[in-house]
Amino acid sequence: MKQFAAADLTRNTGDLFEAAAVAPVAITKHRKPRFVVMSMERYETLTKPDTGCQKAYAVGQMPEDVAALFEQGLEDVIHGR
């Protein structure tokens, strides 16, 4: 991820926007990433309501319906189906 120092933003605004159009950019303060600038399209993709995107669960925290699918998948693998 590209980084820009907060102190340099006024001099490099065009470069920052150009980079953020391609991928998220970190804004650093005292050499530590503090903020992220990204395109509106990227932001909307990250914040839109769940539309069937993939999710990750710890085995013990899976919803029952997901656990049942997981168990069936394991059975299929074990039995070569």
N, C-alpha and C. Protein backbone atom coordinates (compact mmCIF):
# COMPACT_ATOMS: atom_id res chain seq x y z
N MET A 1 0.84 -1.17 0.00
CA MET A 1 0.00 0.00 0.00
C MET A 1 0.89 1.23 0.00
N LYS A 2 0.59 2.14 -0.90
CA LYS A 2 1.34 3.39 -0.93
C LYS A 2 1.05 4.18 0.33
N GLN A 3 2.03 5.00 0.72
CA GLN A 3 1.86 5.84 1.91
C GLN A 3 2.27 7.27 1.60
N PHE A 4 1.56 8.21 2.20
CA PHE A 4 1.89 9.62 2.11
C PHE A 4 1.94 10.17 3.52
N ALA A 5 2.94 10.97 3.82
CA ALA A 5 3.03 11.61 5.13
C ALA A 5 2.01 12.74 5.19
N ALA A 6 1.35 12.87 6.33
CA ALA A 6 0.34 13.93 6.51
C ALA A 6 0.95 15.30 6.23
N ALA A 7 2.19 15.50 6.62
CA ALA A 7 2.84 16.79 6.44
C ALA A 7 3.04 17.13 4.97
N ASP A 8 3.06 16.15 4.09
CA ASP A 8 3.30 16.37 2.66
C ASP A 8 2.03 16.45 1.83
N LEU A 9 0.87 16.34 2.44
CA LEU A 9 -0.37 16.26 1.68
C LEU A 9 -0.63 17.48 0.81
N THR A 10 -0.36 18.66 1.29
CA THR A 10 -0.66 19.85 0.49
C THR A 10 0.20 19.92 -0.76
N ARG A 11 1.41 19.39 -0.68
CA ARG A 11 2.30 19.40 -1.85
C ARG A 11 2.00 18.25 -2.81
N ASN A 12 1.45 17.18 -2.31
CA ASN A 12 1.27 15.96 -3.12
C ASN A 12 -0.19 15.54 -3.28
N THR A 13 -1.10 16.46 -3.20
CA THR A 13 -2.52 16.11 -3.28
C THR A 13 -2.86 15.38 -4.58
N GLY A 14 -2.35 15.87 -5.69
CA GLY A 14 -2.63 15.23 -6.98
C GLY A 14 -2.11 13.81 -7.03
N ASP A 15 -0.89 13.60 -6.51
CA ASP A 15 -0.32 12.25 -6.47
C ASP A 15 -1.15 11.33 -5.58
N LEU A 16 -1.60 11.87 -4.45
CA LEU A 16 -2.42 11.09 -3.52
C LEU A 16 -3.71 10.64 -4.20
N PHE A 17 -4.42 11.56 -4.84
CA PHE A 17 -5.68 11.21 -5.49
C PHE A 17 -5.46 10.23 -6.64
N GLU A 18 -4.39 10.40 -7.37
CA GLU A 18 -4.08 9.49 -8.47
C GLU A 18 -3.84 8.08 -7.94
N ALA A 19 -3.08 7.96 -6.86
CA ALA A 19 -2.79 6.65 -6.27
C ALA A 19 -4.06 6.04 -5.67
N ALA A 20 -4.88 6.85 -5.00
CA ALA A 20 -6.10 6.35 -4.35
C ALA A 20 -7.14 5.90 -5.36
N ALA A 21 -7.07 6.39 -6.58
CA ALA A 21 -7.99 5.94 -7.62
C ALA A 21 -7.72 4.50 -8.01
N VAL A 22 -6.49 4.05 -7.80
CA VAL A 22 -6.08 2.69 -8.16
C VAL A 22 -6.23 1.73 -6.99
N ALA A 23 -5.83 2.16 -5.79
CA ALA A 23 -5.84 1.31 -4.61
C ALA A 23 -5.84 2.19 -3.36
N PRO A 24 -6.31 1.66 -2.23
CA PRO A 24 -6.27 2.45 -1.00
C PRO A 24 -4.86 2.95 -0.69
N VAL A 25 -4.78 4.13 -0.10
CA VAL A 25 -3.50 4.77 0.23
C VAL A 25 -3.50 5.11 1.71
N ALA A 26 -2.41 4.81 2.39
CA ALA A 26 -2.28 5.13 3.81
C ALA A 26 -1.73 6.54 3.99
N ILE A 27 -2.31 7.27 4.93
CA ILE A 27 -1.79 8.58 5.31
C ILE A 27 -1.09 8.35 6.65
N THR A 28 0.17 8.70 6.72
CA THR A 28 0.94 8.45 7.94
C THR A 28 1.14 9.73 8.74
N LYS A 29 1.26 9.53 10.03
CA LYS A 29 1.60 10.61 10.94
C LYS A 29 2.61 10.05 11.90
N HIS A 30 3.76 10.71 11.98
CA HIS A 30 4.89 10.21 12.78
C HIS A 30 5.26 8.79 12.33
N ARG A 31 5.24 8.58 11.01
CA ARG A 31 5.62 7.33 10.35
C ARG A 31 4.71 6.14 10.64
N LYS A 32 3.56 6.38 11.22
CA LYS A 32 2.60 5.30 11.48
C LYS A 32 1.35 5.54 10.65
N PRO A 33 0.83 4.51 9.99
CA PRO A 33 -0.40 4.67 9.23
C PRO A 33 -1.55 5.08 10.15
N ARG A 34 -2.26 6.16 9.80
CA ARG A 34 -3.34 6.66 10.64
C ARG A 34 -4.68 6.72 9.92
N PHE A 35 -4.67 6.94 8.61
CA PHE A 35 -5.90 7.08 7.83
C PHE A 35 -5.73 6.36 6.51
N VAL A 36 -6.85 6.12 5.84
CA VAL A 36 -6.82 5.50 4.51
C VAL A 36 -7.68 6.36 3.58
N VAL A 37 -7.15 6.62 2.39
CA VAL A 37 -7.90 7.32 1.35
C VAL A 37 -8.11 6.31 0.22
N MET A 38 -9.35 6.23 -0.26
CA MET A 38 -9.66 5.30 -1.35
C MET A 38 -10.74 5.90 -2.22
N SER A 39 -10.94 5.29 -3.37
CA SER A 39 -11.99 5.76 -4.27
C SER A 39 -13.36 5.52 -3.64
N MET A 40 -14.32 6.30 -4.05
CA MET A 40 -15.69 6.13 -3.55
C MET A 40 -16.23 4.76 -3.94
N GLU A 41 -15.90 4.29 -5.14
CA GLU A 41 -16.36 2.97 -5.57
C GLU A 41 -15.86 1.88 -4.64
N ARG A 42 -14.58 1.97 -4.26
CA ARG A 42 -14.00 0.97 -3.34
C ARG A 42 -14.69 1.04 -1.98
N TYR A 43 -14.89 2.25 -1.48
CA TYR A 43 -15.56 2.44 -0.20
C TYR A 43 -16.96 1.85 -0.22
N GLU A 44 -17.72 2.14 -1.28
CA GLU A 44 -19.08 1.62 -1.38
C GLU A 44 -19.10 0.10 -1.42
N THR A 45 -18.13 -0.49 -2.10
CA THR A 45 -18.04 -1.95 -2.14
C THR A 45 -17.80 -2.52 -0.74
N LEU A 46 -16.96 -1.86 0.03
CA LEU A 46 -16.64 -2.34 1.37
C LEU A 46 -17.77 -2.13 2.37
N THR A 47 -18.62 -1.14 2.14
CA THR A 47 -19.64 -0.80 3.13
C THR A 47 -21.06 -1.18 2.73
N LYS A 48 -21.24 -1.71 1.53
CA LYS A 48 -22.61 -2.07 1.13
C LYS A 48 -23.10 -3.25 1.97
N PRO A 49 -24.40 -3.34 2.16
CA PRO A 49 -24.96 -4.45 2.94
C PRO A 49 -24.58 -5.80 2.34
N ASP A 50 -24.56 -6.79 3.18
CA ASP A 50 -24.19 -8.14 2.75
C ASP A 50 -25.07 -8.59 1.60
N THR A 51 -24.42 -8.98 0.51
CA THR A 51 -25.17 -9.45 -0.66
C THR A 51 -24.67 -10.83 -1.07
N GLY A 52 -24.41 -11.66 -0.07
CA GLY A 52 -23.97 -13.01 -0.37
C GLY A 52 -22.47 -13.12 -0.53
N CYS A 53 -21.74 -12.12 -0.08
CA CYS A 53 -20.28 -12.18 -0.15
C CYS A 53 -19.78 -13.30 0.75
N GLN A 54 -18.61 -13.76 0.47
CA GLN A 54 -18.02 -14.80 1.29
C GLN A 54 -17.72 -14.27 2.68
N LYS A 55 -17.89 -15.15 3.68
CA LYS A 55 -17.59 -14.80 5.06
C LYS A 55 -16.73 -15.90 5.66
N ALA A 56 -15.96 -15.52 6.66
CA ALA A 56 -15.13 -16.50 7.37
C ALA A 56 -15.65 -16.61 8.80
N TYR A 57 -15.69 -17.83 9.31
CA TYR A 57 -16.14 -18.08 10.67
C TYR A 57 -15.13 -18.97 11.38
N ALA A 58 -14.96 -18.77 12.67
CA ALA A 58 -14.26 -19.75 13.49
C ALA A 58 -15.21 -20.94 13.61
N VAL A 59 -14.67 -22.15 13.65
CA VAL A 59 -15.51 -23.34 13.64
C VAL A 59 -16.56 -23.29 14.75
N GLY A 60 -16.18 -22.86 15.93
CA GLY A 60 -17.11 -22.82 17.05
C GLY A 60 -18.12 -21.70 16.98
N GLN A 61 -17.97 -20.78 16.04
CA GLN A 61 -18.87 -19.64 15.94
C GLN A 61 -19.73 -19.66 14.68
N MET A 62 -19.71 -20.76 13.95
CA MET A 62 -20.50 -20.84 12.73
C MET A 62 -21.98 -20.88 13.04
N PRO A 63 -22.78 -20.18 12.25
CA PRO A 63 -24.23 -20.35 12.38
C PRO A 63 -24.57 -21.80 12.04
N GLU A 64 -25.67 -22.28 12.59
CA GLU A 64 -26.03 -23.69 12.42
C GLU A 64 -26.15 -24.10 10.96
N ASP A 65 -26.74 -23.26 10.13
CA ASP A 65 -26.91 -23.62 8.72
C ASP A 65 -25.56 -23.72 8.01
N VAL A 66 -24.62 -22.87 8.37
CA VAL A 66 -23.29 -22.93 7.77
C VAL A 66 -22.55 -24.16 8.27
N ALA A 67 -22.69 -24.47 9.56
CA ALA A 67 -22.04 -25.65 10.14
C ALA A 67 -22.54 -26.93 9.47
N ALA A 68 -23.84 -26.98 9.18
CA ALA A 68 -24.40 -28.16 8.51
C ALA A 68 -23.81 -28.32 7.11
N LEU A 69 -23.68 -27.23 6.38
CA LEU A 69 -23.06 -27.29 5.04
C LEU A 69 -21.59 -27.71 5.14
N PHE A 70 -20.90 -27.19 6.14
CA PHE A 70 -19.49 -27.53 6.35
C PHE A 70 -19.34 -29.03 6.63
N GLU A 71 -20.18 -29.54 7.54
CA GLU A 71 -20.12 -30.96 7.87
C GLU A 71 -20.43 -31.83 6.66
N GLN A 72 -21.41 -31.45 5.86
CA GLN A 72 -21.74 -32.21 4.66
C GLN A 72 -20.58 -32.19 3.68
N GLY A 73 -19.93 -31.03 3.54
CA GLY A 73 -18.76 -30.95 2.67
C GLY A 73 -17.64 -31.86 3.13
N LEU A 74 -17.41 -31.91 4.44
CA LEU A 74 -16.37 -32.82 4.96
C LEU A 74 -16.72 -34.27 4.70
N GLU A 75 -17.98 -34.61 4.90
CA GLU A 75 -18.43 -35.98 4.62
C GLU A 75 -18.20 -36.34 3.15
N ASP A 76 -18.53 -35.40 2.27
CA ASP A 76 -18.34 -35.64 0.84
C ASP A 76 -16.86 -35.87 0.51
N VAL A 77 -15.98 -35.11 1.12
CA VAL A 77 -14.54 -35.26 0.88
C VAL A 77 -14.06 -36.60 1.41
N ILE A 78 -14.48 -36.95 2.62
CA ILE A 78 -14.05 -38.20 3.25
C ILE A 78 -14.50 -39.40 2.43
N HIS A 79 -15.70 -39.33 1.91
CA HIS A 79 -16.26 -40.47 1.18
C HIS A 79 -16.06 -40.36 -0.34
N GLY A 80 -15.27 -39.41 -0.78
CA GLY A 80 -14.94 -39.29 -2.19
C GLY A 80 -16.09 -38.92 -3.09
N ARG A 81 -17.03 -38.17 -2.59
CA ARG A 81 -18.20 -37.79 -3.41
C ARG A 81 -17.95 -36.48 -4.09
